[in-house]
Amino acid sequence: MPAFRISPAVAEAFPDTLIALVTASGLRGRESWPHTAAAVEELEQQLADGTWQPADETDPRIEAWHTAYRSFGTNPRRIRPSVDALGRRLAKKGSLPRINPAVDSYNAVSVRHGLPAGAFDLDHVTDAVDIRHADGTESFTPLGEPDTVEHPKPGEIIYADATGVLTRHWNHRDAHRTRVTEDSTHVAFILETLHADRDGNLLKVAADELEGLLAPHSHRTAVSYLSPAQPEATA
């Protein structure tokens, strides 16, 4: 069971960080997930009705990530936080992508609450996962591009295990190696905020909502939290 750890340097730079770690084992990704399908369709209908809009870069939840990206040298309007990119896509197209039930679940929760989300197939994770600054020697293969190898810039915040980078620019894009498919059975889902004092309760609501979508299709689910005060949790 891998540990997830916030490095001391990241904790110092972002002292109000709170990360929810929602884990599911015995996941059954090939069966029907009606509650997830309904959650996605509800968001799309609310958007169409004009009763709800995804958070954009003027929203404090998204603005905080833009500020964080700039602090480690990433232009957030060129390389956007995942929740920003997903919300923009939804607003433009009127629909969310359908990938597979597990991914659709965290996408729906992410965009509903304006919080970045991601997921890792733990059967393809090597040892502990550290949220840390890159030193520039690490390798990253982007999701959907198995023949591409990138190297994060020194100082960029990444999720990384002993093999390589799992997520670049903190939460911009996940790696191909640890992607979640219909056949993934042991998965760690991540939800994040940089402002626990302001959005900690929202994060916990979102984590509980995600666990509720996962639980009917899992043998076991659990929620734990990482913060500078509690910088390690086990998936």
C-alpha atoms as a PDB file:
ATOM      1  CA  MET A   1       0.000   0.000   0.000  1.00  0.00           C
ATOM      2  CA  PRO A   2       1.909   3.084  -1.178  1.00  0.00           C
ATOM      3  CA  ALA A   3       2.281   6.180   0.939  1.00  0.00           C
ATOM      4  CA  PHE A   4       1.519   9.655  -0.391  1.00  0.00           C
ATOM      5  CA  ARG A   5       3.758  12.394   1.028  1.00  0.00           C
ATOM      6  CA  ILE A   6       3.925  16.175   0.827  1.00  0.00           C
ATOM      7  CA  SER A   7       7.543  17.299   0.813  1.00  0.00           C
ATOM      8  CA  PRO A   8       8.673  19.816   3.444  1.00  0.00           C
ATOM      9  CA  ALA A   9       9.464  22.385   0.739  1.00  0.00           C
ATOM     10  CA  VAL A  10       5.981  22.154  -0.806  1.00  0.00           C
ATOM     11  CA  ALA A  11       4.400  22.311   2.658  1.00  0.00           C
ATOM     12  CA  GLU A  12       6.389  25.445   3.440  1.00  0.00           C
ATOM     13  CA  ALA A  13       5.530  27.119   0.127  1.00  0.00           C
ATOM     14  CA  PHE A  14       1.812  26.256   0.335  1.00  0.00           C
ATOM     15  CA  PRO A  15       1.030  26.029   4.058  1.00  0.00           C
ATOM     16  CA  ASP A  16      -2.774  25.936   3.660  1.00  0.00           C
ATOM     17  CA  THR A  17      -2.793  22.948   1.299  1.00  0.00           C
ATOM     18  CA  LEU A  18      -5.287  20.150   1.934  1.00  0.00           C
ATOM     19  CA  ILE A  19      -5.427  17.035  -0.228  1.00  0.00           C
ATOM     20  CA  ALA A  20      -8.109  14.358  -0.017  1.00  0.00           C
ATOM     21  CA  LEU A  21      -6.975  10.830  -0.847  1.00  0.00           C
ATOM     22  CA  VAL A  22      -9.968   8.651  -1.759  1.00  0.00           C
ATOM     23  CA  THR A  23      -8.939   5.040  -2.279  1.00  0.00           C
ATOM     24  CA  ALA A  24     -10.954   2.208  -3.758  1.00  0.00           C
ATOM     25  CA  SER A  25     -10.003  -1.457  -3.887  1.00  0.00           C
ATOM     26  CA  GLY A  26     -11.835  -4.226  -5.699  1.00  0.00           C
ATOM     27  CA  LEU A  27     -13.085  -1.638  -8.185  1.00  0.00           C
ATOM     28  CA  ARG A  28     -15.455  -2.994 -10.846  1.00  0.00           C
ATOM     29  CA  GLY A  29     -15.092  -0.676 -13.796  1.00  0.00           C
ATOM     30  CA  ARG A  30     -16.881  -2.770 -16.384  1.00  0.00           C
ATOM     31  CA  GLU A  31     -20.309  -2.761 -14.764  1.00  0.00           C
ATOM     32  CA  SER A  32     -22.948  -0.053 -15.111  1.00  0.00           C
ATOM     33  CA  TRP A  33     -22.521   2.972 -12.805  1.00  0.00           C
ATOM     34  CA  PRO A  34     -25.967   4.612 -12.947  1.00  0.00           C
ATOM     35  CA  HIS A  35     -25.288   7.150 -10.180  1.00  0.00           C
ATOM     36  CA  THR A  36     -22.197   8.439 -11.990  1.00  0.00           C
ATOM     37  CA  ALA A  37     -24.066   8.644 -15.292  1.00  0.00           C
ATOM     38  CA  ALA A  38     -26.832  10.609 -13.554  1.00  0.00           C
ATOM     39  CA  ALA A  39     -24.347  12.972 -11.889  1.00  0.00           C
ATOM     40  CA  VAL A  40     -22.702  13.816 -15.216  1.00  0.00           C
ATOM     41  CA  GLU A  41     -26.040  14.273 -16.979  1.00  0.00           C
ATOM     42  CA  GLU A  42     -27.305  16.509 -14.163  1.00  0.00           C
ATOM     43  CA  LEU A  43     -24.334  18.863 -14.541  1.00  0.00           C
ATOM     44  CA  GLU A  44     -24.825  19.046 -18.279  1.00  0.00           C
ATOM     45  CA  GLN A  45     -28.536  19.756 -17.853  1.00  0.00           C
ATOM     46  CA  GLN A  46     -27.904  22.481 -15.273  1.00  0.00           C
ATOM     47  CA  LEU A  47     -25.438  24.099 -17.656  1.00  0.00           C
ATOM     48  CA  ALA A  48     -27.961  23.914 -20.501  1.00  0.00           C
ATOM     49  CA  ASP A  49     -30.676  25.386 -18.256  1.00  0.00           C
ATOM     50  CA  GLY A  50     -28.421  28.237 -17.156  1.00  0.00           C
ATOM     51  CA  THR A  51     -28.769  27.324 -13.473  1.00  0.00           C
ATOM     52  CA  TRP A  52     -25.090  26.482 -12.986  1.00  0.00           C
ATOM     53  CA  GLN A  53     -21.735  27.373 -14.527  1.00  0.00           C
ATOM     54  CA  PRO A  54     -18.336  25.755 -13.973  1.00  0.00           C
ATOM     55  CA  ALA A  55     -15.805  27.868 -12.093  1.00  0.00           C
ATOM     56  CA  ASP A  56     -13.513  29.877 -14.350  1.00  0.00           C
ATOM     57  CA  GLU A  57     -10.228  31.683 -13.761  1.00  0.00           C
ATOM     58  CA  THR A  58     -11.988  34.599 -12.045  1.00  0.00           C
ATOM     59  CA  ASP A  59     -13.195  32.222  -9.312  1.00  0.00           C
ATOM     60  CA  PRO A  60     -10.966  32.254  -6.190  1.00  0.00           C
ATOM     61  CA  ARG A  61     -10.656  28.452  -6.311  1.00  0.00           C
ATOM     62  CA  ILE A  62      -9.175  28.551  -9.821  1.00  0.00           C
ATOM     63  CA  GLU A  63      -7.321  31.834  -9.348  1.00  0.00           C
ATOM     64  CA  ALA A  64      -5.356  30.281  -6.466  1.00  0.00           C
ATOM     65  CA  TRP A  65      -4.028  27.563  -8.756  1.00  0.00           C
ATOM     66  CA  HIS A  66      -3.072  30.107 -11.423  1.00  0.00           C
ATOM     67  CA  THR A  67      -1.057  31.952  -8.783  1.00  0.00           C
ATOM     68  CA  ALA A  68       0.582  28.715  -7.648  1.00  0.00           C
ATOM     69  CA  TYR A  69       1.478  27.733 -11.213  1.00  0.00           C
ATOM     70  CA  ARG A  70       3.126  31.091 -11.813  1.00  0.00           C
ATOM     71  CA  SER A  71       5.135  30.690  -8.610  1.00  0.00           C
ATOM     72  CA  PHE A  72       6.909  27.629 -10.011  1.00  0.00           C
ATOM     73  CA  GLY A  73       7.321  29.015 -13.536  1.00  0.00           C
ATOM     74  CA  THR A  74       4.279  27.620 -15.373  1.00  0.00           C
ATOM     75  CA  ASN A  75       2.007  29.861 -17.444  1.00  0.00           C
ATOM     76  CA  PRO A  76      -1.494  28.787 -16.307  1.00  0.00           C
ATOM     77  CA  ARG A  77      -3.208  30.170 -19.383  1.00  0.00           C
ATOM     78  CA  ARG A  78      -1.084  27.975 -21.620  1.00  0.00           C
ATOM     79  CA  ILE A  79      -0.833  24.975 -19.303  1.00  0.00           C
ATOM     80  CA  ARG A  80      -4.012  25.020 -17.245  1.00  0.00           C
ATOM     81  CA  PRO A  81      -4.873  23.289 -13.960  1.00  0.00           C
ATOM     82  CA  SER A  82      -6.998  20.234 -14.745  1.00  0.00           C
ATOM     83  CA  VAL A  83     -10.184  21.628 -13.213  1.00  0.00           C
ATOM     84  CA  ASP A  84      -9.793  24.863 -15.195  1.00  0.00           C
ATOM     85  CA  ALA A  85      -9.311  23.003 -18.478  1.00  0.00           C
ATOM     86  CA  LEU A  86     -12.217  20.654 -17.747  1.00  0.00           C
ATOM     87  CA  GLY A  87     -14.567  23.495 -16.850  1.00  0.00           C
ATOM     88  CA  ARG A  88     -13.643  25.423 -19.996  1.00  0.00           C
ATOM     89  CA  ARG A  89     -14.280  22.338 -22.111  1.00  0.00           C
ATOM     90  CA  LEU A  90     -17.652  21.774 -20.469  1.00  0.00           C
ATOM     91  CA  ALA A  91     -18.684  25.417 -20.903  1.00  0.00           C
ATOM     92  CA  LYS A  92     -17.705  25.351 -24.582  1.00  0.00           C
ATOM     93  CA  LYS A  93     -19.066  21.964 -25.623  1.00  0.00           C
ATOM     94  CA  GLY A  94     -21.928  21.570 -23.172  1.00  0.00           C
ATOM     95  CA  SER A  95     -20.826  18.076 -22.197  1.00  0.00           C
ATOM     96  CA  LEU A  96     -18.146  16.234 -20.268  1.00  0.00           C
ATOM     97  CA  PRO A  97     -16.033  13.535 -21.906  1.00  0.00           C
ATOM     98  CA  ARG A  98     -17.071   9.944 -21.188  1.00  0.00           C
ATOM     99  CA  ILE A  99     -13.877   7.991 -20.442  1.00  0.00           C
ATOM    100  CA  ASN A 100     -14.857   5.201 -18.067  1.00  0.00           C
ATOM    101  CA  PRO A 101     -17.025   5.168 -14.926  1.00  0.00           C
ATOM    102  CA  ALA A 102     -14.208   5.796 -12.429  1.00  0.00           C
ATOM    103  CA  VAL A 103     -12.740   8.706 -14.402  1.00  0.00           C
ATOM    104  CA  ASP A 104     -16.196  10.101 -15.150  1.00  0.00           C
ATOM    105  CA  SER A 105     -16.902  10.055 -11.409  1.00  0.00           C
ATOM    106  CA  TYR A 106     -13.956  12.200 -10.406  1.00  0.00           C
ATOM    107  CA  ASN A 107     -14.423  14.506 -13.389  1.00  0.00           C
ATOM    108  CA  ALA A 108     -18.001  15.202 -12.322  1.00  0.00           C
ATOM    109  CA  VAL A 109     -17.012  15.855  -8.706  1.00  0.00           C
ATOM    110  CA  SER A 110     -14.065  18.009  -9.754  1.00  0.00           C
ATOM    111  CA  VAL A 111     -16.006  20.337 -12.031  1.00  0.00           C
ATOM    112  CA  ARG A 112     -19.037  20.506  -9.729  1.00  0.00           C
ATOM    113  CA  HIS A 113     -16.944  21.743  -6.806  1.00  0.00           C
ATOM    114  CA  GLY A 114     -14.213  23.641  -8.675  1.00  0.00           C
ATOM    115  CA  LEU A 115     -11.438  21.463  -7.245  1.00  0.00           C
ATOM    116  CA  PRO A 116      -8.625  19.738  -9.172  1.00  0.00           C
ATOM    117  CA  ALA A 117      -8.877  15.955  -9.246  1.00  0.00           C
ATOM    118  CA  GLY A 118      -6.814  13.081 -10.554  1.00  0.00           C
ATOM    119  CA  ALA A 119      -6.348   9.361 -10.083  1.00  0.00           C
ATOM    120  CA  PHE A 120      -3.627   6.735 -10.156  1.00  0.00           C
ATOM    121  CA  ASP A 121      -3.864   2.991 -10.766  1.00  0.00           C
ATOM    122  CA  LEU A 122      -1.936   1.812  -7.720  1.00  0.00           C
ATOM    123  CA  ASP A 123      -0.974  -1.476  -9.367  1.00  0.00           C
ATOM    124  CA  HIS A 124       1.329   0.603 -11.583  1.00  0.00           C
ATOM    125  CA  VAL A 125       2.776   2.834  -8.846  1.00  0.00           C
ATOM    126  CA  THR A 126       6.291   2.105  -7.600  1.00  0.00           C
ATOM    127  CA  ASP A 127       6.810   2.637  -3.866  1.00  0.00           C
ATOM    128  CA  ALA A 128       5.803   5.954  -2.272  1.00  0.00           C
ATOM    129  CA  VAL A 129       4.360   8.944  -4.134  1.00  0.00           C
ATOM    130  CA  ASP A 130       5.913  12.300  -3.267  1.00  0.00           C
ATOM    131  CA  ILE A 131       4.444  15.728  -3.982  1.00  0.00           C
ATOM    132  CA  ARG A 132       7.645  17.685  -4.457  1.00  0.00           C
ATOM    133  CA  HIS A 133       9.641  20.078  -6.596  1.00  0.00           C
ATOM    134  CA  ALA A 134      11.228  18.517  -9.671  1.00  0.00           C
ATOM    135  CA  ASP A 135      15.000  18.537 -10.027  1.00  0.00           C
ATOM    136  CA  GLY A 136      14.830  18.313 -13.833  1.00  0.00           C
ATOM    137  CA  THR A 137      16.129  14.755 -14.215  1.00  0.00           C
ATOM    138  CA  GLU A 138      12.734  13.054 -13.938  1.00  0.00           C
ATOM    139  CA  SER A 139      10.857  11.504 -16.873  1.00  0.00           C
ATOM    140  CA  PHE A 140       7.165  11.861 -17.677  1.00  0.00           C
ATOM    141  CA  THR A 141       5.047  10.157 -20.324  1.00  0.00           C
ATOM    142  CA  PRO A 142       1.749  12.032 -20.773  1.00  0.00           C
ATOM    143  CA  LEU A 143      -1.603  10.302 -20.682  1.00  0.00           C
ATOM    144  CA  GLY A 144      -2.498   9.088 -24.156  1.00  0.00           C
ATOM    145  CA  GLU A 145       1.028   9.601 -25.496  1.00  0.00           C
ATOM    146  CA  PRO A 146       2.888   6.382 -24.632  1.00  0.00           C
ATOM    147  CA  ASP A 147       5.805   7.168 -26.961  1.00  0.00           C
ATOM    148  CA  THR A 148       6.432  10.683 -25.589  1.00  0.00           C
ATOM    149  CA  VAL A 149       8.973  11.442 -22.863  1.00  0.00           C
ATOM    150  CA  GLU A 150       9.103  14.859 -21.173  1.00  0.00           C
ATOM    151  CA  HIS A 151      11.305  16.237 -18.425  1.00  0.00           C
ATOM    152  CA  PRO A 152       9.754  18.668 -15.916  1.00  0.00           C
ATOM    153  CA  LYS A 153      11.614  21.897 -15.360  1.00  0.00           C
ATOM    154  CA  PRO A 154      13.544  22.208 -12.092  1.00  0.00           C
ATOM    155  CA  GLY A 155      11.269  23.689  -9.438  1.00  0.00           C
ATOM    156  CA  GLU A 156       8.019  22.533 -11.056  1.00  0.00           C
ATOM    157  CA  ILE A 157       5.765  20.755  -8.558  1.00  0.00           C
ATOM    158  CA  ILE A 158       5.100  17.140  -9.468  1.00  0.00           C
ATOM    159  CA  TYR A 159       3.699  13.914  -8.127  1.00  0.00           C
ATOM    160  CA  ALA A 160       6.448  11.325  -8.514  1.00  0.00           C
ATOM    161  CA  ASP A 161       7.223   7.756  -7.483  1.00  0.00           C
ATOM    162  CA  ALA A 162      10.450   5.774  -7.732  1.00  0.00           C
ATOM    163  CA  THR A 163       9.954   5.187 -11.466  1.00  0.00           C
ATOM    164  CA  GLY A 164       9.013   8.646 -12.690  1.00  0.00           C
ATOM    165  CA  VAL A 165       6.525  11.484 -12.752  1.00  0.00           C
ATOM    166  CA  LEU A 166       2.826  10.758 -12.243  1.00  0.00           C
ATOM    167  CA  THR A 167       1.530  14.316 -12.693  1.00  0.00           C
ATOM    168  CA  ARG A 168       3.194  17.446 -14.098  1.00  0.00           C
ATOM    169  CA  HIS A 169       2.581  21.048 -13.019  1.00  0.00           C
ATOM    170  CA  TRP A 170       1.031  19.731  -9.768  1.00  0.00           C
ATOM    171  CA  ASN A 171      -2.293  18.795 -11.367  1.00  0.00           C
ATOM    172  CA  HIS A 172      -2.191  19.685 -15.063  1.00  0.00           C
ATOM    173  CA  ARG A 173      -1.948  16.210 -16.583  1.00  0.00           C
ATOM    174  CA  ASP A 174      -1.567  12.634 -15.385  1.00  0.00           C
ATOM    175  CA  ALA A 175       0.887  10.026 -16.640  1.00  0.00           C
ATOM    176  CA  HIS A 176       0.110   7.248 -19.095  1.00  0.00           C
ATOM    177  CA  ARG A 177       1.646   4.551 -16.889  1.00  0.00           C
ATOM    178  CA  THR A 178      -0.743   5.032 -13.974  1.00  0.00           C
ATOM    179  CA  ARG A 179      -3.862   5.899 -16.007  1.00  0.00           C
ATOM    180  CA  VAL A 180      -7.172   4.536 -14.737  1.00  0.00           C
ATOM    181  CA  THR A 181      -8.940   2.152 -17.107  1.00  0.00           C
ATOM    182  CA  GLU A 182     -12.046  -0.027 -16.871  1.00  0.00           C
ATOM    183  CA  ASP A 183      -9.769  -2.827 -15.670  1.00  0.00           C
ATOM    184  CA  SER A 184      -8.151  -0.855 -12.813  1.00  0.00           C
ATOM    185  CA  THR A 185      -9.053  -2.432  -9.477  1.00  0.00           C
ATOM    186  CA  HIS A 186      -6.987  -0.503  -6.897  1.00  0.00           C
ATOM    187  CA  VAL A 187      -7.099   3.250  -7.438  1.00  0.00           C
ATOM    188  CA  ALA A 188      -6.165   6.377  -5.492  1.00  0.00           C
ATOM    189  CA  PHE A 189      -8.251   9.450  -6.327  1.00  0.00           C
ATOM    190  CA  ILE A 190      -6.953  12.920  -5.438  1.00  0.00           C
ATOM    191  CA  LEU A 191      -8.872  16.137  -4.706  1.00  0.00           C
ATOM    192  CA  GLU A 192      -6.964  19.311  -3.788  1.00  0.00           C
ATOM    193  CA  THR A 193      -7.253  22.815  -2.422  1.00  0.00           C
ATOM    194  CA  LEU A 194      -4.598  25.398  -1.632  1.00  0.00           C
ATOM    195  CA  HIS A 195      -6.895  27.171   0.845  1.00  0.00           C
ATOM    196  CA  ALA A 196      -8.045  24.757   3.529  1.00  0.00           C
ATOM    197  CA  ASP A 197      -9.222  27.596   5.776  1.00  0.00           C
ATOM    198  CA  ARG A 198     -11.625  28.740   3.063  1.00  0.00           C
ATOM    199  CA  ASP A 199     -12.409  25.554   1.121  1.00  0.00           C
ATOM    200  CA  GLY A 200     -11.616  22.699   3.485  1.00  0.00           C
ATOM    201  CA  ASN A 201     -15.274  21.913   4.111  1.00  0.00           C
ATOM    202  CA  LEU A 202     -15.965  22.002   0.377  1.00  0.00           C
ATOM    203  CA  LEU A 203     -13.120  19.552  -0.186  1.00  0.00           C
ATOM    204  CA  LYS A 204     -14.550  17.169   2.401  1.00  0.00           C
ATOM    205  CA  VAL A 205     -18.003  17.363   0.815  1.00  0.00           C
ATOM    206  CA  ALA A 206     -16.441  16.590  -2.561  1.00  0.00           C
ATOM    207  CA  ALA A 207     -14.432  13.665  -1.155  1.00  0.00           C
ATOM    208  CA  ASP A 208     -17.530  12.196   0.456  1.00  0.00           C
ATOM    209  CA  GLU A 209     -19.454  12.645  -2.804  1.00  0.00           C
ATOM    210  CA  LEU A 210     -16.746  10.858  -4.762  1.00  0.00           C
ATOM    211  CA  GLU A 211     -16.578   8.025  -2.245  1.00  0.00           C
ATOM    212  CA  GLY A 212     -20.351   7.694  -2.558  1.00  0.00           C
ATOM    213  CA  LEU A 213     -20.051   7.206  -6.312  1.00  0.00           C
ATOM    214  CA  LEU A 214     -17.237   4.671  -5.924  1.00  0.00           C
ATOM    215  CA  ALA A 215     -18.543   2.603  -3.002  1.00  0.00           C
ATOM    216  CA  PRO A 216     -21.311   0.667  -4.839  1.00  0.00           C
ATOM    217  CA  HIS A 217     -18.707  -0.572  -7.321  1.00  0.00           C
ATOM    218  CA  SER A 218     -15.829  -1.328  -4.920  1.00  0.00           C
ATOM    219  CA  HIS A 219     -14.965  -3.917  -2.318  1.00  0.00           C
ATOM    220  CA  ARG A 220     -13.657  -1.194  -0.013  1.00  0.00           C
ATOM    221  CA  THR A 221     -13.295   2.589  -0.019  1.00  0.00           C
ATOM    222  CA  ALA A 222     -11.583   4.981   2.375  1.00  0.00           C
ATOM    223  CA  VAL A 223     -10.866   8.703   2.664  1.00  0.00           C
ATOM    224  CA  SER A 224      -7.770  10.240   4.253  1.00  0.00           C
ATOM    225  CA  TYR A 225      -6.191  13.696   4.118  1.00  0.00           C
ATOM    226  CA  LEU A 226      -2.735  15.170   3.636  1.00  0.00           C
ATOM    227  CA  SER A 227      -1.683  18.599   4.845  1.00  0.00           C
ATOM    228  CA  PRO A 228       1.489  20.288   6.053  1.00  0.00           C
ATOM    229  CA  ALA A 229       0.489  19.228   9.575  1.00  0.00           C
ATOM    230  CA  GLN A 230      -0.171  15.635   8.442  1.00  0.00           C
ATOM    231  CA  PRO A 231       2.101  15.223   5.425  1.00  0.00           C
ATOM    232  CA  GLU A 232       1.737  11.470   4.863  1.00  0.00           C
ATOM    233  CA  ALA A 233      -1.161   9.094   4.243  1.00  0.00           C
ATOM    234  CA  THR A 234      -1.363   5.529   2.985  1.00  0.00           C
ATOM    235  CA  ALA A 235      -3.534   4.545   0.030  1.00  0.00           C
END
